[in-house]
PDB file of N, CA and C in Angstrom:
ATOM      1  N   MET A   1     -13.658  49.432-117.002  1.00  0.00           N
ATOM      2  CA  MET A   1     -13.042  50.249-118.017  1.00  0.00           C
ATOM      3  C   MET A   1     -13.013  51.702-117.542  1.00  0.00           C
ATOM      4  N   ARG A   2     -11.919  52.363-117.837  1.00  0.00           N
ATOM      5  CA  ARG A   2     -11.771  53.786-117.521  1.00  0.00           C
ATOM      6  C   ARG A   2     -11.756  54.566-118.828  1.00  0.00           C
ATOM      7  N   THR A   3     -12.388  55.724-118.852  1.00  0.00           N
ATOM      8  CA  THR A   3     -12.408  56.572-120.044  1.00  0.00           C
ATOM      9  C   THR A   3     -11.966  57.973-119.658  1.00  0.00           C
ATOM     10  N   PHE A   4     -11.052  58.523-120.443  1.00  0.00           N
ATOM     11  CA  PHE A   4     -10.581  59.894-120.254  1.00  0.00           C
ATOM     12  C   PHE A   4     -10.910  60.662-121.519  1.00  0.00           C
ATOM     13  N   LYS A   5     -11.569  61.811-121.387  1.00  0.00           N
ATOM     14  CA  LYS A   5     -11.914  62.622-122.549  1.00  0.00           C
ATOM     15  C   LYS A   5     -11.173  63.947-122.470  1.00  0.00           C
ATOM     16  N   PHE A   6     -10.535  64.301-123.571  1.00  0.00           N
ATOM     17  CA  PHE A   6      -9.820  65.561-123.680  1.00  0.00           C
ATOM     18  C   PHE A   6     -10.312  66.279-124.930  1.00  0.00           C
ATOM     19  N   ALA A   7     -10.254  67.579-124.936  1.00  0.00           N
ATOM     20  CA  ALA A   7     -10.571  68.374-126.115  1.00  0.00           C
ATOM     21  C   ALA A   7      -9.427  69.348-126.333  1.00  0.00           C
ATOM     22  N   PHE A   8      -9.150  69.650-127.584  1.00  0.00           N
ATOM     23  CA  PHE A   8      -8.148  70.671-127.862  1.00  0.00           C
ATOM     24  C   PHE A   8      -8.582  71.475-129.070  1.00  0.00           C
ATOM     25  N   VAL A   9      -7.980  72.640-129.237  1.00  0.00           N
ATOM     26  CA  VAL A   9      -8.337  73.568-130.298  1.00  0.00           C
ATOM     27  C   VAL A   9      -7.101  73.821-131.140  1.00  0.00           C
ATOM     28  N   VAL A  10      -7.277  73.809-132.459  1.00  0.00           N
ATOM     29  CA  VAL A  10      -6.198  74.160-133.377  1.00  0.00           C
ATOM     30  C   VAL A  10      -6.524  75.536-133.939  1.00  0.00           C
ATOM     31  N   GLU A  11      -5.652  76.500-133.713  1.00  0.00           N
ATOM     32  CA  GLU A  11      -5.853  77.855-134.220  1.00  0.00           C
ATOM     33  C   GLU A  11      -4.741  78.197-135.191  1.00  0.00           C
ATOM     34  N   CYS A  12      -5.099  78.780-136.303  1.00  0.00           N
ATOM     35  CA  CYS A  12      -4.128  79.206-137.312  1.00  0.00           C
ATOM     36  C   CYS A  12      -4.197  80.723-137.431  1.00  0.00           C
ATOM     37  N   ALA A  13      -3.042  81.377-137.414  1.00  0.00           N
ATOM     38  CA  ALA A  13      -2.995  82.839-137.418  1.00  0.00           C
ATOM     39  C   ALA A  13      -3.305  83.441-138.779  1.00  0.00           C
ATOM     40  N   SER A  14      -2.976  82.747-139.848  1.00  0.00           N
ATOM     41  CA  SER A  14      -3.175  83.326-141.177  1.00  0.00           C
ATOM     42  C   SER A  14      -4.411  82.755-141.848  1.00  0.00           C
ATOM     43  N   LYS A  15      -4.857  83.459-142.891  1.00  0.00           N
ATOM     44  CA  LYS A  15      -5.996  82.979-143.671  1.00  0.00           C
ATOM     45  C   LYS A  15      -5.538  81.826-144.541  1.00  0.00           C
ATOM     46  N   GLY A  16      -6.444  80.980-144.890  1.00  0.00           N
ATOM     47  CA  GLY A  16      -6.124  79.849-145.748  1.00  0.00           C
ATOM     48  C   GLY A  16      -7.266  78.848-145.697  1.00  0.00           C
ATOM     49  N   ARG A  17      -7.153  77.854-146.518  1.00  0.00           N
ATOM     50  CA  ARG A  17      -8.168  76.795-146.541  1.00  0.00           C
ATOM     51  C   ARG A  17      -7.505  75.497-146.094  1.00  0.00           C
ATOM     52  N   ALA A  18      -7.894  75.031-144.957  1.00  0.00           N
ATOM     53  CA  ALA A  18      -7.302  73.807-144.410  1.00  0.00           C
ATOM     54  C   ALA A  18      -7.876  72.585-145.116  1.00  0.00           C
ATOM     55  N   ASP A  19      -7.030  71.622-145.330  1.00  0.00           N
ATOM     56  CA  ASP A  19      -7.473  70.306-145.809  1.00  0.00           C
ATOM     57  C   ASP A  19      -7.827  69.526-144.552  1.00  0.00           C
ATOM     58  N   THR A  20      -9.071  69.676-144.101  1.00  0.00           N
ATOM     59  CA  THR A  20      -9.457  69.101-142.816  1.00  0.00           C
ATOM     60  C   THR A  20      -9.372  67.579-142.803  1.00  0.00           C
ATOM     61  N   GLN A  21      -9.562  66.952-143.948  1.00  0.00           N
ATOM     62  CA  GLN A  21      -9.420  65.492-144.025  1.00  0.00           C
ATOM     63  C   GLN A  21      -7.979  65.090-143.733  1.00  0.00           C
ATOM     64  N   LYS A  22      -7.018  65.807-144.338  1.00  0.00           N
ATOM     65  CA  LYS A  22      -5.599  65.518-144.116  1.00  0.00           C
ATOM     66  C   LYS A  22      -5.205  65.851-142.671  1.00  0.00           C
ATOM     67  N   VAL A  23      -5.719  66.959-142.158  1.00  0.00           N
ATOM     68  CA  VAL A  23      -5.436  67.332-140.765  1.00  0.00           C
ATOM     69  C   VAL A  23      -5.930  66.239-139.827  1.00  0.00           C
ATOM     70  N   GLU A  24      -7.140  65.743-140.076  1.00  0.00           N
ATOM     71  CA  GLU A  24      -7.690  64.670-139.245  1.00  0.00           C
ATOM     72  C   GLU A  24      -6.811  63.422-139.312  1.00  0.00           C
ATOM     73  N   GLU A  25      -6.372  63.057-140.512  1.00  0.00           N
ATOM     74  CA  GLU A  25      -5.516  61.875-140.676  1.00  0.00           C
ATOM     75  C   GLU A  25      -4.208  62.034-139.903  1.00  0.00           C
ATOM     76  N   LEU A  26      -3.600  63.222-139.994  1.00  0.00           N
ATOM     77  CA  LEU A  26      -2.327  63.465-139.300  1.00  0.00           C
ATOM     78  C   LEU A  26      -2.502  63.454-137.786  1.00  0.00           C
ATOM     79  N   LEU A  27      -3.577  64.050-137.297  1.00  0.00           N
ATOM     80  CA  LEU A  27      -3.850  64.016-135.856  1.00  0.00           C
ATOM     81  C   LEU A  27      -4.085  62.587-135.390  1.00  0.00           C
ATOM     82  N   ASP A  28      -4.825  61.827-136.173  1.00  0.00           N
ATOM     83  CA  ASP A  28      -5.097  60.439-135.828  1.00  0.00           C
ATOM     84  C   ASP A  28      -3.796  59.642-135.725  1.00  0.00           C
ATOM     85  N   LEU A  29      -2.907  59.838-136.688  1.00  0.00           N
ATOM     86  CA  LEU A  29      -1.609  59.141-136.648  1.00  0.00           C
ATOM     87  C   LEU A  29      -0.794  59.537-135.422  1.00  0.00           C
ATOM     88  N   ALA A  30      -0.784  60.823-135.122  1.00  0.00           N
ATOM     89  CA  ALA A  30      -0.019  61.293-133.960  1.00  0.00           C
ATOM     90  C   ALA A  30      -0.561  60.695-132.668  1.00  0.00           C
ATOM     91  N   LEU A  31      -1.877  60.640-132.547  1.00  0.00           N
ATOM     92  CA  LEU A  31      -2.477  60.078-131.338  1.00  0.00           C
ATOM     93  C   LEU A  31      -2.235  58.578-131.243  1.00  0.00           C
ATOM     94  N   LYS A  32      -2.272  57.889-132.371  1.00  0.00           N
ATOM     95  CA  LYS A  32      -2.008  56.453-132.356  1.00  0.00           C
ATOM     96  C   LYS A  32      -0.577  56.154-131.931  1.00  0.00           C
ATOM     97  N   ASP A  33       0.359  57.066-132.249  1.00  0.00           N
ATOM     98  CA  ASP A  33       1.741  56.887-131.804  1.00  0.00           C
ATOM     99  C   ASP A  33       1.833  56.834-130.287  1.00  0.00           C
ATOM    100  N   LEU A  34       0.941  57.513-129.609  1.00  0.00           N
ATOM    101  CA  LEU A  34       0.954  57.498-128.147  1.00  0.00           C
ATOM    102  C   LEU A  34       0.762  56.095-127.579  1.00  0.00           C
ATOM    103  N   ILE A  35       0.018  55.273-128.290  1.00  0.00           N
ATOM    104  CA  ILE A  35      -0.243  53.917-127.817  1.00  0.00           C
ATOM    105  C   ILE A  35       1.057  53.137-127.633  1.00  0.00           C
ATOM    106  N   TYR A  36       2.060  53.474-128.442  1.00  0.00           N
ATOM    107  CA  TYR A  36       3.340  52.765-128.385  1.00  0.00           C
ATOM    108  C   TYR A  36       4.362  53.466-127.489  1.00  0.00           C
ATOM    109  N   ASP A  37       3.949  54.549-126.860  1.00  0.00           N
ATOM    110  CA  ASP A  37       4.835  55.304-125.981  1.00  0.00           C
ATOM    111  C   ASP A  37       4.733  54.748-124.565  1.00  0.00           C
ATOM    112  N   ASP A  38       5.805  54.148-124.100  1.00  0.00           N
ATOM    113  CA  ASP A  38       5.812  53.531-122.761  1.00  0.00           C
ATOM    114  C   ASP A  38       5.461  54.530-121.665  1.00  0.00           C
ATOM    115  N   SER A  39       5.904  55.774-121.816  1.00  0.00           N
ATOM    116  CA  SER A  39       5.608  56.792-120.799  1.00  0.00           C
ATOM    117  C   SER A  39       4.108  57.068-120.724  1.00  0.00           C
ATOM    118  N   PHE A  40       3.461  57.069-121.877  1.00  0.00           N
ATOM    119  CA  PHE A  40       2.016  57.299-121.921  1.00  0.00           C
ATOM    120  C   PHE A  40       1.279  56.161-121.234  1.00  0.00           C
ATOM    121  N   ILE A  41       1.649  54.939-121.571  1.00  0.00           N
ATOM    122  CA  ILE A  41       1.014  53.768-120.976  1.00  0.00           C
ATOM    123  C   ILE A  41       1.250  53.737-119.471  1.00  0.00           C
ATOM    124  N   GLU A  42       2.460  54.074-119.064  1.00  0.00           N
ATOM    125  CA  GLU A  42       2.787  54.109-117.632  1.00  0.00           C
ATOM    126  C   GLU A  42       1.957  55.174-116.916  1.00  0.00           C
ATOM    127  N   ALA A  43       1.810  56.341-117.552  1.00  0.00           N
ATOM    128  CA  ALA A  43       1.025  57.418-116.934  1.00  0.00           C
ATOM    129  C   ALA A  43      -0.437  56.999-116.758  1.00  0.00           C
ATOM    130  N   LEU A  44      -0.926  56.182-117.681  1.00  0.00           N
ATOM    131  CA  LEU A  44      -2.296  55.681-117.569  1.00  0.00           C
ATOM    132  C   LEU A  44      -2.416  54.528-116.574  1.00  0.00           C
ATOM    133  N   ASP A  45      -1.279  53.990-116.185  1.00  0.00           N
ATOM    134  CA  ASP A  45      -1.248  52.812-115.317  1.00  0.00           C
ATOM    135  C   ASP A  45      -2.078  51.685-115.941  1.00  0.00           C
ATOM    136  N   GLU A  46      -1.806  51.436-117.242  1.00  0.00           N
ATOM    137  CA  GLU A  46      -2.559  50.432-117.993  1.00  0.00           C
ATOM    138  C   GLU A  46      -1.697  49.207-118.245  1.00  0.00           C
ATOM    139  N   THR A  47      -2.287  48.036-118.094  1.00  0.00           N
ATOM    140  CA  THR A  47      -1.544  46.785-118.297  1.00  0.00           C
ATOM    141  C   THR A  47      -2.150  45.906-119.383  1.00  0.00           C
ATOM    142  N   GLU A  48      -3.330  46.280-119.913  1.00  0.00           N
ATOM    143  CA  GLU A  48      -3.982  45.421-120.904  1.00  0.00           C
ATOM    144  C   GLU A  48      -4.088  46.060-122.281  1.00  0.00           C
ATOM    145  N   ALA A  49      -4.868  47.108-122.418  1.00  0.00           N
ATOM    146  CA  ALA A  49      -5.084  47.699-123.738  1.00  0.00           C
ATOM    147  C   ALA A  49      -5.467  49.166-123.630  1.00  0.00           C
ATOM    148  N   VAL A  50      -5.057  49.943-124.642  1.00  0.00           N
ATOM    149  CA  VAL A  50      -5.415  51.352-124.730  1.00  0.00           C
ATOM    150  C   VAL A  50      -5.942  51.602-126.141  1.00  0.00           C
ATOM    151  N   THR A  51      -7.046  52.300-126.230  1.00  0.00           N
ATOM    152  CA  THR A  51      -7.609  52.701-127.517  1.00  0.00           C
ATOM    153  C   THR A  51      -7.759  54.207-127.512  1.00  0.00           C
ATOM    154  N   ILE A  52      -7.350  54.837-128.605  1.00  0.00           N
ATOM    155  CA  ILE A  52      -7.519  56.278-128.753  1.00  0.00           C
ATOM    156  C   ILE A  52      -8.389  56.503-129.976  1.00  0.00           C
ATOM    157  N   GLN A  53      -9.404  57.344-129.837  1.00  0.00           N
ATOM    158  CA  GLN A  53     -10.307  57.634-130.938  1.00  0.00           C
ATOM    159  C   GLN A  53     -10.382  59.133-131.142  1.00  0.00           C
ATOM    160  N   LEU A  54     -10.125  59.572-132.357  1.00  0.00           N
ATOM    161  CA  LEU A  54     -10.241  60.978-132.713  1.00  0.00           C
ATOM    162  C   LEU A  54     -11.646  61.201-133.258  1.00  0.00           C
ATOM    163  N   ILE A  55     -12.371  62.143-132.660  1.00  0.00           N
ATOM    164  CA  ILE A  55     -13.740  62.422-133.075  1.00  0.00           C
ATOM    165  C   ILE A  55     -13.804  63.876-133.535  1.00  0.00           C
ATOM    166  N   PRO A  56     -13.826  64.107-134.843  1.00  0.00           N
ATOM    167  CA  PRO A  56     -13.906  65.483-135.336  1.00  0.00           C
ATOM    168  C   PRO A  56     -15.284  66.088-135.049  1.00  0.00           C
ATOM    169  N   ILE A  57     -15.306  67.390-134.896  1.00  0.00           N
ATOM    170  CA  ILE A  57     -16.550  68.104-134.665  1.00  0.00           C
ATOM    171  C   ILE A  57     -16.690  69.102-135.823  1.00  0.00           C
ATOM    172  N   PRO A  58     -17.191  68.651-136.976  1.00  0.00           N
ATOM    173  CA  PRO A  58     -17.231  69.503-138.178  1.00  0.00           C
ATOM    174  C   PRO A  58     -17.954  70.822-137.986  1.00  0.00           C
ATOM    175  N   ASP A  59     -18.990  70.864-137.169  1.00  0.00           N
ATOM    176  CA  ASP A  59     -19.717  72.109-136.961  1.00  0.00           C
ATOM    177  C   ASP A  59     -18.859  73.170-136.292  1.00  0.00           C
ATOM    178  N   SER A  60     -17.751  72.755-135.714  1.00  0.00           N
ATOM    179  CA  SER A  60     -16.888  73.729-135.037  1.00  0.00           C
ATOM    180  C   SER A  60     -15.801  74.263-135.960  1.00  0.00           C
ATOM    181  N   PHE A  61     -15.706  73.748-137.192  1.00  0.00           N
ATOM    182  CA  PHE A  61     -14.720  74.243-138.150  1.00  0.00           C
ATOM    183  C   PHE A  61     -15.170  75.614-138.614  1.00  0.00           C
ATOM    184  N   VAL A  62     -14.395  76.627-138.305  1.00  0.00           N
ATOM    185  CA  VAL A  62     -14.773  78.009-138.626  1.00  0.00           C
ATOM    186  C   VAL A  62     -14.012  78.438-139.880  1.00  0.00           C
ATOM    187  N   ALA A  63     -14.755  78.815-140.910  1.00  0.00           N
ATOM    188  CA  ALA A  63     -14.138  79.273-142.153  1.00  0.00           C
ATOM    189  C   ALA A  63     -13.606  80.690-141.963  1.00  0.00           C
ATOM    190  N   PRO A  64     -12.521  81.008-142.676  1.00  0.00           N
ATOM    191  CA  PRO A  64     -11.982  82.366-142.566  1.00  0.00           C
ATOM    192  C   PRO A  64     -12.975  83.395-143.136  1.00  0.00           C
ATOM    193  N   GLU A  65     -12.965  84.561-142.544  1.00  0.00           N
ATOM    194  CA  GLU A  65     -13.851  85.618-143.022  1.00  0.00           C
ATOM    195  C   GLU A  65     -13.331  86.166-144.340  1.00  0.00           C
ATOM    196  N   ALA A  66     -14.230  86.547-145.221  1.00  0.00           N
ATOM    197  CA  ALA A  66     -13.852  87.063-146.544  1.00  0.00           C
ATOM    198  C   ALA A  66     -13.374  88.496-146.463  1.00  0.00           C
TER     199      ALA A  66
END
């Protein structure tokens, strides 16, 4: 089995309160779409199965300053 780990950061320019649960759901859906993308599978050189798991890091959620 091969495992690839990536991290990314979402930055918002304006103040506001994010619905982090909804954001997580939308990111999860977007990443799952990759599984059905032939170009993605080809880039991985995979012939059997691909699993993508979104792992939130709640301690890294920074609240806007008051």
